[in-house]
Amino acid sequence: MGQGLRGAIGPRAVHLCVDMQHLFGPGGPWPTPWAPRILPVIVELAGRAPGRTLFTRFIPPHTAEALPGSWRHLYDKWREVTRKELAPELLELVPELRRFTPPARLIDKTRYSAFSSPTLLPTLAHLGADTLVLSGAETDVCILATLFDAVDYGYRVVVARDAVCSSSDAGHDAVLAMLSQRLSMQVEVADAEEILSAWRTADAA
């Protein structure tokens, strides 16, 4: 798909991994079938700088009635995913990533974008972040929502192409195509190998 990076990634970069939880894993109520395929790549990214890695967790409401408007419609359909019905362990990160916390931090959110969490921006400010390397699920929902907010806040945004996934192949492919055609000045898309080679972490700076 081309594109790639526009230069080195500096030590102020943060790896933001979105929603790699049992909720979206095999056997979960909202499975993303290729999550196991991208997991080793995410492990590599997290392992490069665990202290500069943030893992988001999508936290549904206790009941459908706890949220307004279209969110209530969603959870009316998916009542088994509300916390009243859901097994709590399904909200946890998969074990391969949980072992990085700490020093990696957890960011809980109740909406699609990671920036909907009140703790994300203060955490990024504390880390002095200027670049976000995005991985996780789903490309065409939470990754996309997070990406647009990150662009609006002025971060350099790098999507790890082989470390994002969706339950919809068509949606995943459409987002990656759109990024190369419409947002190439503000969003870089590259494989993790290229990202890791370009990432000058504090230890290596």
N, C-alpha and C. Protein backbone atom coordinates (compact mmCIF):
# COMPACT_ATOMS: atom_id res chain seq x y z
N MET A 1 0.82 -1.20 0.00
CA MET A 1 0.00 0.00 0.00
C MET A 1 0.86 1.25 0.00
N GLY A 2 2.16 1.09 0.11
CA GLY A 2 3.04 2.24 0.01
C GLY A 2 2.98 3.15 1.23
N GLN A 3 3.24 4.40 0.99
CA GLN A 3 3.28 5.47 1.97
C GLN A 3 4.50 5.35 2.85
N GLY A 4 4.43 4.71 4.01
CA GLY A 4 5.59 4.59 4.88
C GLY A 4 5.82 5.84 5.70
N LEU A 5 6.94 5.87 6.39
CA LEU A 5 7.27 6.97 7.30
C LEU A 5 7.94 8.12 6.57
N ARG A 6 7.82 9.32 7.17
CA ARG A 6 8.45 10.50 6.60
C ARG A 6 9.75 10.86 7.33
N GLY A 7 10.22 9.98 8.18
CA GLY A 7 11.46 10.26 8.89
C GLY A 7 11.50 9.51 10.21
N ALA A 8 12.54 9.76 10.97
CA ALA A 8 12.73 9.07 12.24
C ALA A 8 11.61 9.40 13.22
N ILE A 9 11.37 8.47 14.12
CA ILE A 9 10.43 8.66 15.23
C ILE A 9 11.27 8.90 16.48
N GLY A 10 11.04 10.02 17.12
CA GLY A 10 11.89 10.41 18.23
C GLY A 10 11.50 9.80 19.56
N PRO A 11 12.29 10.08 20.60
CA PRO A 11 12.08 9.46 21.91
C PRO A 11 10.84 9.95 22.64
N ARG A 12 10.18 10.97 22.12
CA ARG A 12 8.96 11.45 22.77
C ARG A 12 7.71 10.74 22.25
N ALA A 13 7.89 9.79 21.34
CA ALA A 13 6.74 9.05 20.81
C ALA A 13 6.12 8.18 21.90
N VAL A 14 4.82 7.95 21.76
CA VAL A 14 4.07 7.06 22.65
C VAL A 14 3.35 6.03 21.79
N HIS A 15 3.43 4.79 22.20
CA HIS A 15 2.67 3.72 21.57
C HIS A 15 1.31 3.64 22.25
N LEU A 16 0.25 3.90 21.48
CA LEU A 16 -1.12 3.87 21.99
C LEU A 16 -1.83 2.66 21.39
N CYS A 17 -2.03 1.65 22.20
CA CYS A 17 -2.65 0.39 21.77
C CYS A 17 -4.11 0.40 22.21
N VAL A 18 -5.01 0.23 21.27
CA VAL A 18 -6.44 0.41 21.50
C VAL A 18 -7.15 -0.94 21.68
N ASP A 19 -7.71 -1.14 22.85
CA ASP A 19 -8.76 -2.14 23.11
C ASP A 19 -8.39 -3.59 22.79
N MET A 20 -7.17 -3.99 23.10
CA MET A 20 -6.81 -5.40 22.91
C MET A 20 -7.22 -6.18 24.16
N GLN A 21 -8.52 -6.41 24.26
CA GLN A 21 -9.13 -7.04 25.43
C GLN A 21 -9.77 -8.36 25.04
N HIS A 22 -10.06 -9.17 26.05
CA HIS A 22 -10.80 -10.41 25.79
C HIS A 22 -12.17 -10.13 25.16
N LEU A 23 -12.73 -8.95 25.43
CA LEU A 23 -14.01 -8.55 24.87
C LEU A 23 -14.03 -8.68 23.35
N PHE A 24 -12.87 -8.38 22.73
CA PHE A 24 -12.77 -8.39 21.27
C PHE A 24 -11.96 -9.58 20.75
N GLY A 25 -11.56 -10.46 21.64
CA GLY A 25 -10.76 -11.61 21.24
C GLY A 25 -11.61 -12.80 20.86
N PRO A 26 -10.97 -13.89 20.46
CA PRO A 26 -11.70 -15.11 20.11
C PRO A 26 -12.57 -15.56 21.28
N GLY A 27 -13.82 -15.84 21.00
CA GLY A 27 -14.74 -16.27 22.05
C GLY A 27 -15.42 -15.14 22.78
N GLY A 28 -14.99 -13.90 22.54
CA GLY A 28 -15.64 -12.74 23.14
C GLY A 28 -16.91 -12.38 22.39
N PRO A 29 -17.75 -11.54 22.97
CA PRO A 29 -19.01 -11.18 22.32
C PRO A 29 -18.84 -10.31 21.08
N TRP A 30 -17.72 -9.58 21.00
CA TRP A 30 -17.43 -8.74 19.83
C TRP A 30 -16.09 -9.17 19.24
N PRO A 31 -15.97 -10.36 18.70
CA PRO A 31 -14.66 -10.87 18.28
C PRO A 31 -14.12 -10.20 17.02
N THR A 32 -12.82 -9.94 17.03
CA THR A 32 -12.10 -9.53 15.84
C THR A 32 -11.21 -10.70 15.45
N PRO A 33 -11.58 -11.42 14.40
CA PRO A 33 -10.93 -12.70 14.11
C PRO A 33 -9.43 -12.64 13.94
N TRP A 34 -8.91 -11.47 13.45
CA TRP A 34 -7.46 -11.47 13.26
C TRP A 34 -6.68 -10.93 14.44
N ALA A 35 -7.33 -10.69 15.55
CA ALA A 35 -6.59 -10.17 16.71
C ALA A 35 -5.40 -11.05 17.09
N PRO A 36 -5.54 -12.40 17.09
CA PRO A 36 -4.35 -13.21 17.42
C PRO A 36 -3.22 -13.04 16.41
N ARG A 37 -3.55 -12.71 15.17
CA ARG A 37 -2.52 -12.56 14.14
C ARG A 37 -1.68 -11.31 14.37
N ILE A 38 -2.32 -10.22 14.82
CA ILE A 38 -1.56 -8.98 15.03
C ILE A 38 -0.93 -8.90 16.42
N LEU A 39 -1.35 -9.77 17.32
CA LEU A 39 -0.88 -9.68 18.71
C LEU A 39 0.64 -9.75 18.83
N PRO A 40 1.35 -10.66 18.15
CA PRO A 40 2.82 -10.67 18.28
C PRO A 40 3.46 -9.36 17.83
N VAL A 41 2.86 -8.69 16.85
CA VAL A 41 3.40 -7.42 16.38
C VAL A 41 3.22 -6.35 17.45
N ILE A 42 2.04 -6.34 18.09
CA ILE A 42 1.80 -5.38 19.17
C ILE A 42 2.75 -5.64 20.34
N VAL A 43 3.02 -6.89 20.63
CA VAL A 43 3.96 -7.23 21.70
C VAL A 43 5.34 -6.63 21.38
N GLU A 44 5.76 -6.70 20.12
CA GLU A 44 7.04 -6.10 19.74
C GLU A 44 7.03 -4.60 19.96
N LEU A 45 5.96 -3.93 19.56
CA LEU A 45 5.87 -2.48 19.74
C LEU A 45 5.88 -2.11 21.22
N ALA A 46 5.09 -2.83 22.02
CA ALA A 46 5.03 -2.55 23.45
C ALA A 46 6.37 -2.82 24.12
N GLY A 47 7.06 -3.84 23.66
CA GLY A 47 8.33 -4.20 24.24
C GLY A 47 9.44 -3.20 23.96
N ARG A 48 9.29 -2.40 22.91
CA ARG A 48 10.32 -1.42 22.60
C ARG A 48 10.39 -0.35 23.68
N ALA A 49 9.25 0.09 24.19
CA ALA A 49 9.25 1.14 25.22
C ALA A 49 8.03 0.97 26.11
N PRO A 50 8.04 -0.02 27.01
CA PRO A 50 6.87 -0.27 27.85
C PRO A 50 6.43 0.96 28.65
N GLY A 51 7.39 1.74 29.09
CA GLY A 51 7.04 2.92 29.87
C GLY A 51 6.41 4.03 29.06
N ARG A 52 6.46 3.89 27.73
CA ARG A 52 5.83 4.86 26.84
C ARG A 52 4.73 4.18 26.03
N THR A 53 4.13 3.18 26.63
CA THR A 53 3.01 2.47 26.02
C THR A 53 1.76 2.68 26.86
N LEU A 54 0.67 2.98 26.19
CA LEU A 54 -0.64 3.12 26.83
C LEU A 54 -1.59 2.11 26.22
N PHE A 55 -2.30 1.39 27.06
CA PHE A 55 -3.30 0.43 26.60
C PHE A 55 -4.68 0.96 26.98
N THR A 56 -5.54 1.15 25.98
CA THR A 56 -6.91 1.53 26.32
C THR A 56 -7.76 0.28 26.53
N ARG A 57 -8.77 0.45 27.36
CA ARG A 57 -9.79 -0.59 27.53
C ARG A 57 -11.16 0.05 27.31
N PHE A 58 -11.96 -0.60 26.47
CA PHE A 58 -13.32 -0.13 26.24
C PHE A 58 -14.21 -0.68 27.35
N ILE A 59 -14.84 0.23 28.10
CA ILE A 59 -15.65 -0.16 29.26
C ILE A 59 -17.12 0.16 28.97
N PRO A 60 -17.96 -0.84 28.74
CA PRO A 60 -19.38 -0.59 28.48
C PRO A 60 -20.08 -0.09 29.74
N PRO A 61 -21.29 0.47 29.57
CA PRO A 61 -22.05 0.93 30.74
C PRO A 61 -22.59 -0.24 31.54
N HIS A 62 -23.01 0.05 32.76
CA HIS A 62 -23.61 -1.01 33.58
C HIS A 62 -24.91 -1.52 32.97
N THR A 63 -25.71 -0.60 32.45
CA THR A 63 -26.95 -0.96 31.75
C THR A 63 -27.08 -0.07 30.52
N ALA A 64 -27.94 -0.48 29.58
CA ALA A 64 -28.17 0.32 28.38
C ALA A 64 -28.72 1.70 28.73
N GLU A 65 -29.53 1.76 29.80
CA GLU A 65 -30.18 3.01 30.18
C GLU A 65 -29.20 4.05 30.73
N ALA A 66 -27.97 3.63 31.00
CA ALA A 66 -26.99 4.55 31.59
C ALA A 66 -26.43 5.54 30.58
N LEU A 67 -26.63 5.28 29.28
CA LEU A 67 -26.11 6.17 28.25
C LEU A 67 -27.25 6.73 27.41
N PRO A 68 -27.02 7.89 26.79
CA PRO A 68 -28.09 8.54 26.02
C PRO A 68 -28.11 8.15 24.55
N GLY A 69 -29.21 8.49 23.90
CA GLY A 69 -29.30 8.49 22.45
C GLY A 69 -28.92 7.19 21.77
N SER A 70 -28.08 7.32 20.74
CA SER A 70 -27.72 6.16 19.93
C SER A 70 -26.91 5.13 20.71
N TRP A 71 -26.20 5.57 21.77
CA TRP A 71 -25.51 4.59 22.61
C TRP A 71 -26.52 3.67 23.29
N ARG A 72 -27.63 4.22 23.73
CA ARG A 72 -28.66 3.38 24.35
C ARG A 72 -29.20 2.38 23.33
N HIS A 73 -29.37 2.82 22.08
CA HIS A 73 -29.85 1.90 21.03
C HIS A 73 -28.85 0.75 20.84
N LEU A 74 -27.55 1.10 20.84
CA LEU A 74 -26.53 0.06 20.66
C LEU A 74 -26.62 -0.99 21.77
N TYR A 75 -26.69 -0.51 23.01
CA TYR A 75 -26.68 -1.46 24.12
C TYR A 75 -28.04 -2.10 24.37
N ASP A 76 -29.10 -1.55 23.81
CA ASP A 76 -30.36 -2.27 23.79
C ASP A 76 -30.22 -3.55 22.97
N LYS A 77 -29.48 -3.43 21.87
CA LYS A 77 -29.24 -4.61 21.02
C LYS A 77 -28.23 -5.55 21.67
N TRP A 78 -27.23 -5.00 22.36
CA TRP A 78 -26.13 -5.80 22.91
C TRP A 78 -26.16 -5.78 24.44
N ARG A 79 -27.28 -6.12 25.02
CA ARG A 79 -27.39 -6.09 26.48
C ARG A 79 -26.41 -7.06 27.14
N GLU A 80 -26.03 -8.11 26.42
CA GLU A 80 -25.08 -9.07 27.00
C GLU A 80 -23.68 -8.47 27.16
N VAL A 81 -23.43 -7.30 26.54
CA VAL A 81 -22.14 -6.64 26.66
C VAL A 81 -22.16 -5.56 27.74
N THR A 82 -23.31 -5.22 28.30
CA THR A 82 -23.33 -4.29 29.43
C THR A 82 -22.70 -4.96 30.64
N ARG A 83 -22.15 -4.15 31.54
CA ARG A 83 -21.44 -4.71 32.69
C ARG A 83 -22.37 -5.49 33.62
N LYS A 84 -23.65 -5.22 33.55
CA LYS A 84 -24.59 -6.00 34.35
C LYS A 84 -24.60 -7.46 33.94
N GLU A 85 -24.33 -7.72 32.66
CA GLU A 85 -24.39 -9.08 32.11
C GLU A 85 -23.01 -9.66 31.82
N LEU A 86 -22.02 -8.82 31.61
CA LEU A 86 -20.73 -9.26 31.09
C LEU A 86 -19.83 -9.81 32.20
N ALA A 87 -19.12 -10.88 31.89
CA ALA A 87 -18.10 -11.38 32.82
C ALA A 87 -16.98 -10.36 32.93
N PRO A 88 -16.62 -9.90 34.13
CA PRO A 88 -15.63 -8.82 34.28
C PRO A 88 -14.29 -9.12 33.62
N GLU A 89 -13.89 -10.38 33.58
CA GLU A 89 -12.59 -10.70 33.01
C GLU A 89 -12.52 -10.40 31.51
N LEU A 90 -13.67 -10.27 30.84
CA LEU A 90 -13.66 -9.95 29.42
C LEU A 90 -13.20 -8.52 29.15
N LEU A 91 -13.20 -7.69 30.18
CA LEU A 91 -12.74 -6.31 30.01
C LEU A 91 -11.22 -6.18 30.15
N GLU A 92 -10.56 -7.24 30.60
CA GLU A 92 -9.12 -7.18 30.83
C GLU A 92 -8.34 -7.29 29.52
N LEU A 93 -7.13 -6.73 29.54
CA LEU A 93 -6.21 -6.93 28.42
C LEU A 93 -5.90 -8.41 28.26
N VAL A 94 -5.55 -8.79 27.05
CA VAL A 94 -5.09 -10.16 26.85
C VAL A 94 -3.78 -10.34 27.62
N PRO A 95 -3.48 -11.56 28.10
CA PRO A 95 -2.32 -11.77 28.98
C PRO A 95 -1.00 -11.35 28.37
N GLU A 96 -0.85 -11.51 27.05
CA GLU A 96 0.42 -11.17 26.40
C GLU A 96 0.75 -9.69 26.55
N LEU A 97 -0.27 -8.86 26.72
CA LEU A 97 -0.05 -7.42 26.88
C LEU A 97 -0.14 -6.98 28.33
N ARG A 98 -0.92 -7.69 29.12
CA ARG A 98 -1.08 -7.32 30.54
C ARG A 98 0.25 -7.36 31.26
N ARG A 99 1.17 -8.21 30.80
CA ARG A 99 2.46 -8.34 31.49
C ARG A 99 3.32 -7.08 31.37
N PHE A 100 2.96 -6.16 30.46
CA PHE A 100 3.72 -4.92 30.32
C PHE A 100 3.27 -3.85 31.32
N THR A 101 2.18 -4.12 32.07
CA THR A 101 1.65 -3.12 33.01
C THR A 101 1.94 -3.52 34.45
N PRO A 102 2.56 -2.64 35.23
CA PRO A 102 3.33 -1.49 34.77
C PRO A 102 4.67 -1.95 34.16
N PRO A 103 5.41 -1.04 33.54
CA PRO A 103 5.26 0.41 33.52
C PRO A 103 4.24 0.95 32.52
N ALA A 104 3.78 0.12 31.56
CA ALA A 104 2.73 0.60 30.66
C ALA A 104 1.49 0.96 31.47
N ARG A 105 0.74 1.94 30.98
CA ARG A 105 -0.42 2.44 31.71
C ARG A 105 -1.72 2.02 31.04
N LEU A 106 -2.77 1.90 31.84
CA LEU A 106 -4.11 1.61 31.35
C LEU A 106 -4.91 2.90 31.25
N ILE A 107 -5.64 3.05 30.15
CA ILE A 107 -6.53 4.18 29.93
C ILE A 107 -7.92 3.61 29.65
N ASP A 108 -8.84 3.79 30.56
CA ASP A 108 -10.20 3.28 30.37
C ASP A 108 -11.07 4.33 29.69
N LYS A 109 -11.89 3.88 28.75
CA LYS A 109 -12.77 4.78 28.00
C LYS A 109 -14.14 4.14 27.82
N THR A 110 -15.14 4.97 27.62
CA THR A 110 -16.51 4.48 27.43
C THR A 110 -17.05 4.79 26.05
N ARG A 111 -16.22 5.45 25.22
CA ARG A 111 -16.61 5.81 23.85
C ARG A 111 -15.56 5.26 22.90
N TYR A 112 -15.74 5.49 21.62
CA TYR A 112 -14.84 4.92 20.63
C TYR A 112 -13.43 5.51 20.71
N SER A 113 -13.32 6.82 20.73
CA SER A 113 -12.00 7.44 20.71
C SER A 113 -11.30 7.32 22.06
N ALA A 114 -10.00 7.05 22.00
CA ALA A 114 -9.21 7.04 23.24
C ALA A 114 -9.22 8.41 23.90
N PHE A 115 -9.41 9.46 23.11
CA PHE A 115 -9.41 10.81 23.67
C PHE A 115 -10.69 11.12 24.44
N SER A 116 -11.68 10.23 24.39
CA SER A 116 -12.87 10.42 25.21
C SER A 116 -12.57 10.15 26.69
N SER A 117 -11.46 9.50 26.97
CA SER A 117 -11.06 9.29 28.36
C SER A 117 -10.49 10.57 28.93
N PRO A 118 -10.94 11.00 30.11
CA PRO A 118 -10.39 12.24 30.68
C PRO A 118 -8.93 12.11 31.12
N THR A 119 -8.42 10.90 31.16
CA THR A 119 -7.04 10.73 31.61
C THR A 119 -6.02 10.70 30.47
N LEU A 120 -6.48 10.60 29.21
CA LEU A 120 -5.49 10.43 28.14
C LEU A 120 -4.66 11.67 27.91
N LEU A 121 -5.28 12.82 27.70
CA LEU A 121 -4.50 14.02 27.42
C LEU A 121 -3.53 14.37 28.55
N PRO A 122 -3.94 14.32 29.83
CA PRO A 122 -2.96 14.58 30.89
C PRO A 122 -1.80 13.58 30.89
N THR A 123 -2.10 12.33 30.58
CA THR A 123 -1.04 11.32 30.54
C THR A 123 -0.06 11.61 29.41
N LEU A 124 -0.59 11.97 28.24
CA LEU A 124 0.28 12.30 27.11
C LEU A 124 1.12 13.54 27.42
N ALA A 125 0.52 14.51 28.10
CA ALA A 125 1.28 15.71 28.48
C ALA A 125 2.39 15.36 29.46
N HIS A 126 2.09 14.49 30.41
CA HIS A 126 3.09 14.05 31.39
C HIS A 126 4.26 13.35 30.69
N LEU A 127 3.96 12.60 29.64
CA LEU A 127 5.00 11.89 28.91
C LEU A 127 5.69 12.77 27.87
N GLY A 128 5.22 14.00 27.70
CA GLY A 128 5.81 14.89 26.70
C GLY A 128 5.62 14.39 25.29
N ALA A 129 4.52 13.72 25.02
CA ALA A 129 4.31 13.05 23.73
C ALA A 129 4.19 14.05 22.59
N ASP A 130 4.85 13.75 21.48
CA ASP A 130 4.65 14.52 20.26
C ASP A 130 4.20 13.64 19.10
N THR A 131 4.29 12.32 19.28
CA THR A 131 3.95 11.35 18.23
C THR A 131 3.17 10.21 18.85
N LEU A 132 2.15 9.74 18.15
CA LEU A 132 1.40 8.57 18.60
C LEU A 132 1.52 7.47 17.57
N VAL A 133 1.98 6.31 18.01
CA VAL A 133 2.02 5.11 17.18
C VAL A 133 0.80 4.28 17.56
N LEU A 134 -0.13 4.10 16.63
CA LEU A 134 -1.39 3.45 16.93
C LEU A 134 -1.39 1.98 16.53
N SER A 135 -1.91 1.15 17.44
CA SER A 135 -2.12 -0.26 17.15
C SER A 135 -3.43 -0.69 17.81
N GLY A 136 -3.89 -1.91 17.49
CA GLY A 136 -5.05 -2.45 18.20
C GLY A 136 -6.28 -2.62 17.33
N ALA A 137 -7.46 -2.48 17.94
CA ALA A 137 -8.73 -2.78 17.30
C ALA A 137 -9.76 -1.69 17.61
N GLU A 138 -10.72 -1.49 16.76
CA GLU A 138 -10.83 -1.95 15.40
C GLU A 138 -10.45 -0.81 14.47
N THR A 139 -9.82 -1.15 13.36
CA THR A 139 -9.31 -0.15 12.42
C THR A 139 -10.36 0.87 12.04
N ASP A 140 -11.57 0.40 11.75
CA ASP A 140 -12.61 1.26 11.19
C ASP A 140 -13.57 1.81 12.25
N VAL A 141 -13.26 1.62 13.53
CA VAL A 141 -14.11 2.17 14.58
C VAL A 141 -13.22 2.93 15.58
N CYS A 142 -12.70 2.25 16.59
CA CYS A 142 -11.97 2.95 17.65
C CYS A 142 -10.62 3.50 17.19
N ILE A 143 -9.93 2.79 16.32
CA ILE A 143 -8.67 3.32 15.78
C ILE A 143 -8.96 4.58 14.98
N LEU A 144 -9.96 4.51 14.11
CA LEU A 144 -10.28 5.66 13.27
C LEU A 144 -10.71 6.87 14.10
N ALA A 145 -11.57 6.64 15.09
CA ALA A 145 -12.02 7.74 15.95
C ALA A 145 -10.85 8.36 16.70
N THR A 146 -9.96 7.52 17.21
CA THR A 146 -8.77 8.01 17.93
C THR A 146 -7.85 8.78 17.02
N LEU A 147 -7.68 8.27 15.82
CA LEU A 147 -6.80 8.89 14.83
C LEU A 147 -7.24 10.32 14.52
N PHE A 148 -8.53 10.51 14.26
CA PHE A 148 -9.01 11.85 13.92
C PHE A 148 -8.81 12.82 15.09
N ASP A 149 -9.08 12.35 16.30
CA ASP A 149 -8.86 13.22 17.46
C ASP A 149 -7.38 13.54 17.62
N ALA A 150 -6.52 12.56 17.40
CA ALA A 150 -5.07 12.80 17.52
C ALA A 150 -4.60 13.84 16.52
N VAL A 151 -5.11 13.76 15.30
CA VAL A 151 -4.78 14.76 14.28
C VAL A 151 -5.27 16.14 14.73
N ASP A 152 -6.50 16.20 15.24
CA ASP A 152 -7.05 17.49 15.68
C ASP A 152 -6.22 18.10 16.80
N TYR A 153 -5.65 17.27 17.65
CA TYR A 153 -4.82 17.78 18.74
C TYR A 153 -3.39 18.08 18.30
N GLY A 154 -3.06 17.78 17.05
CA GLY A 154 -1.76 18.18 16.52
C GLY A 154 -0.65 17.17 16.68
N TYR A 155 -0.95 15.95 17.08
CA TYR A 155 0.09 14.94 17.21
C TYR A 155 0.51 14.42 15.83
N ARG A 156 1.77 14.05 15.73
CA ARG A 156 2.17 13.23 14.59
C ARG A 156 1.55 11.85 14.80
N VAL A 157 0.88 11.33 13.78
CA VAL A 157 0.14 10.07 13.92
C VAL A 157 0.73 9.03 12.97
N VAL A 158 1.11 7.90 13.54
CA VAL A 158 1.65 6.79 12.77
C VAL A 158 0.80 5.56 13.05
N VAL A 159 0.21 4.99 12.02
CA VAL A 159 -0.58 3.77 12.16
C VAL A 159 0.29 2.58 11.79
N ALA A 160 0.39 1.64 12.71
CA ALA A 160 1.14 0.40 12.44
C ALA A 160 0.24 -0.53 11.63
N ARG A 161 0.46 -0.55 10.33
CA ARG A 161 -0.45 -1.24 9.41
C ARG A 161 -0.67 -2.71 9.76
N ASP A 162 0.40 -3.40 10.18
CA ASP A 162 0.28 -4.82 10.49
C ASP A 162 -0.01 -5.08 11.97
N ALA A 163 -0.43 -4.01 12.69
CA ALA A 163 -0.76 -4.15 14.11
C ALA A 163 -2.14 -3.59 14.42
N VAL A 164 -2.97 -3.44 13.37
CA VAL A 164 -4.37 -3.04 13.56
C VAL A 164 -5.25 -4.06 12.88
N CYS A 165 -6.47 -4.21 13.39
CA CYS A 165 -7.37 -5.22 12.83
C CYS A 165 -8.82 -4.79 13.02
N SER A 166 -9.70 -5.48 12.33
CA SER A 166 -11.13 -5.21 12.42
C SER A 166 -11.90 -6.52 12.25
N SER A 167 -13.15 -6.51 12.68
CA SER A 167 -14.04 -7.63 12.39
C SER A 167 -14.57 -7.55 10.97
N SER A 168 -14.31 -6.43 10.30
CA SER A 168 -14.75 -6.23 8.92
C SER A 168 -13.54 -6.04 8.02
N ASP A 169 -13.26 -6.99 7.16
CA ASP A 169 -12.15 -6.85 6.21
C ASP A 169 -12.37 -5.64 5.31
N ALA A 170 -13.62 -5.47 4.85
CA ALA A 170 -13.92 -4.35 3.95
C ALA A 170 -13.69 -3.01 4.65
N GLY A 171 -14.12 -2.92 5.90
CA GLY A 171 -13.93 -1.69 6.65
C GLY A 171 -12.46 -1.38 6.89
N HIS A 172 -11.70 -2.40 7.27
CA HIS A 172 -10.25 -2.26 7.49
C HIS A 172 -9.57 -1.76 6.22
N ASP A 173 -9.84 -2.43 5.10
CA ASP A 173 -9.20 -2.05 3.84
C ASP A 173 -9.60 -0.64 3.41
N ALA A 174 -10.86 -0.29 3.62
CA ALA A 174 -11.34 1.03 3.21
C ALA A 174 -10.65 2.13 4.00
N VAL A 175 -10.44 1.93 5.30
CA VAL A 175 -9.78 2.95 6.11
C VAL A 175 -8.33 3.12 5.67
N LEU A 176 -7.62 2.02 5.46
CA LEU A 176 -6.22 2.13 5.05
C LEU A 176 -6.11 2.81 3.68
N ALA A 177 -7.05 2.50 2.78
CA ALA A 177 -7.04 3.16 1.47
C ALA A 177 -7.33 4.65 1.62
N MET A 178 -8.30 4.99 2.46
CA MET A 178 -8.64 6.39 2.68
C MET A 178 -7.46 7.17 3.24
N LEU A 179 -6.74 6.55 4.19
CA LEU A 179 -5.60 7.24 4.80
C LEU A 179 -4.53 7.57 3.78
N SER A 180 -4.31 6.69 2.83
CA SER A 180 -3.28 6.95 1.83
C SER A 180 -3.74 7.98 0.81
N GLN A 181 -5.05 8.11 0.61
CA GLN A 181 -5.57 9.00 -0.42
C GLN A 181 -5.96 10.38 0.10
N ARG A 182 -6.37 10.45 1.37
CA ARG A 182 -6.97 11.68 1.88
C ARG A 182 -6.20 12.34 3.03
N LEU A 183 -5.47 11.57 3.80
CA LEU A 183 -4.82 12.12 4.99
C LEU A 183 -3.32 11.89 5.01
N SER A 184 -2.75 11.74 3.83
CA SER A 184 -1.33 11.36 3.78
C SER A 184 -0.41 12.44 4.33
N MET A 185 -0.87 13.70 4.41
CA MET A 185 -0.04 14.76 4.97
C MET A 185 -0.05 14.76 6.50
N GLN A 186 -1.04 14.11 7.10
CA GLN A 186 -1.17 14.15 8.56
C GLN A 186 -1.08 12.78 9.22
N VAL A 187 -1.21 11.71 8.45
CA VAL A 187 -1.16 10.36 9.01
C VAL A 187 -0.20 9.52 8.19
N GLU A 188 0.73 8.87 8.87
CA GLU A 188 1.66 7.96 8.21
C GLU A 188 1.25 6.52 8.52
N VAL A 189 1.32 5.67 7.52
CA VAL A 189 0.98 4.26 7.68
C VAL A 189 2.21 3.44 7.30
N ALA A 190 2.66 2.59 8.21
CA ALA A 190 3.87 1.82 7.96
C ALA A 190 3.80 0.50 8.72
N ASP A 191 4.53 -0.48 8.26
CA ASP A 191 4.62 -1.74 8.99
C ASP A 191 5.45 -1.55 10.26
N ALA A 192 5.21 -2.41 11.23
CA ALA A 192 5.90 -2.29 12.52
C ALA A 192 7.40 -2.40 12.37
N GLU A 193 7.89 -3.20 11.45
CA GLU A 193 9.34 -3.34 11.27
C GLU A 193 9.96 -1.99 10.92
N GLU A 194 9.30 -1.24 10.03
CA GLU A 194 9.82 0.09 9.67
C GLU A 194 9.72 1.04 10.85
N ILE A 195 8.61 0.96 11.60
CA ILE A 195 8.44 1.83 12.76
C ILE A 195 9.51 1.56 13.81
N LEU A 196 9.74 0.30 14.11
CA LEU A 196 10.73 -0.05 15.12
C LEU A 196 12.14 0.36 14.70
N SER A 197 12.43 0.25 13.40
CA SER A 197 13.75 0.66 12.92
C SER A 197 13.95 2.16 13.02
N ALA A 198 12.86 2.91 12.88
CA ALA A 198 12.94 4.37 12.89
C ALA A 198 12.79 4.98 14.26
N TRP A 199 12.34 4.19 15.24
CA TRP A 199 12.00 4.72 16.56
C TRP A 199 13.25 4.83 17.42
N ARG A 200 13.64 6.06 17.69
CA ARG A 200 14.80 6.31 18.56
C ARG A 200 14.29 6.52 19.98
N THR A 201 14.24 5.46 20.73
CA THR A 201 13.78 5.55 22.11
C THR A 201 14.85 6.22 22.97
N ALA A 202 14.45 6.60 24.18
CA ALA A 202 15.38 7.28 25.08
C ALA A 202 16.63 6.45 25.33
N ASP A 203 16.44 5.13 25.44
CA ASP A 203 17.58 4.26 25.72
C ASP A 203 18.58 4.24 24.57
N ALA A 204 18.03 4.45 23.34
CA ALA A 204 18.88 4.35 22.15
C ALA A 204 19.25 5.71 21.58
N ALA A 205 18.65 6.76 22.16
CA ALA A 205 18.86 8.11 21.58
C ALA A 205 20.30 8.56 21.79
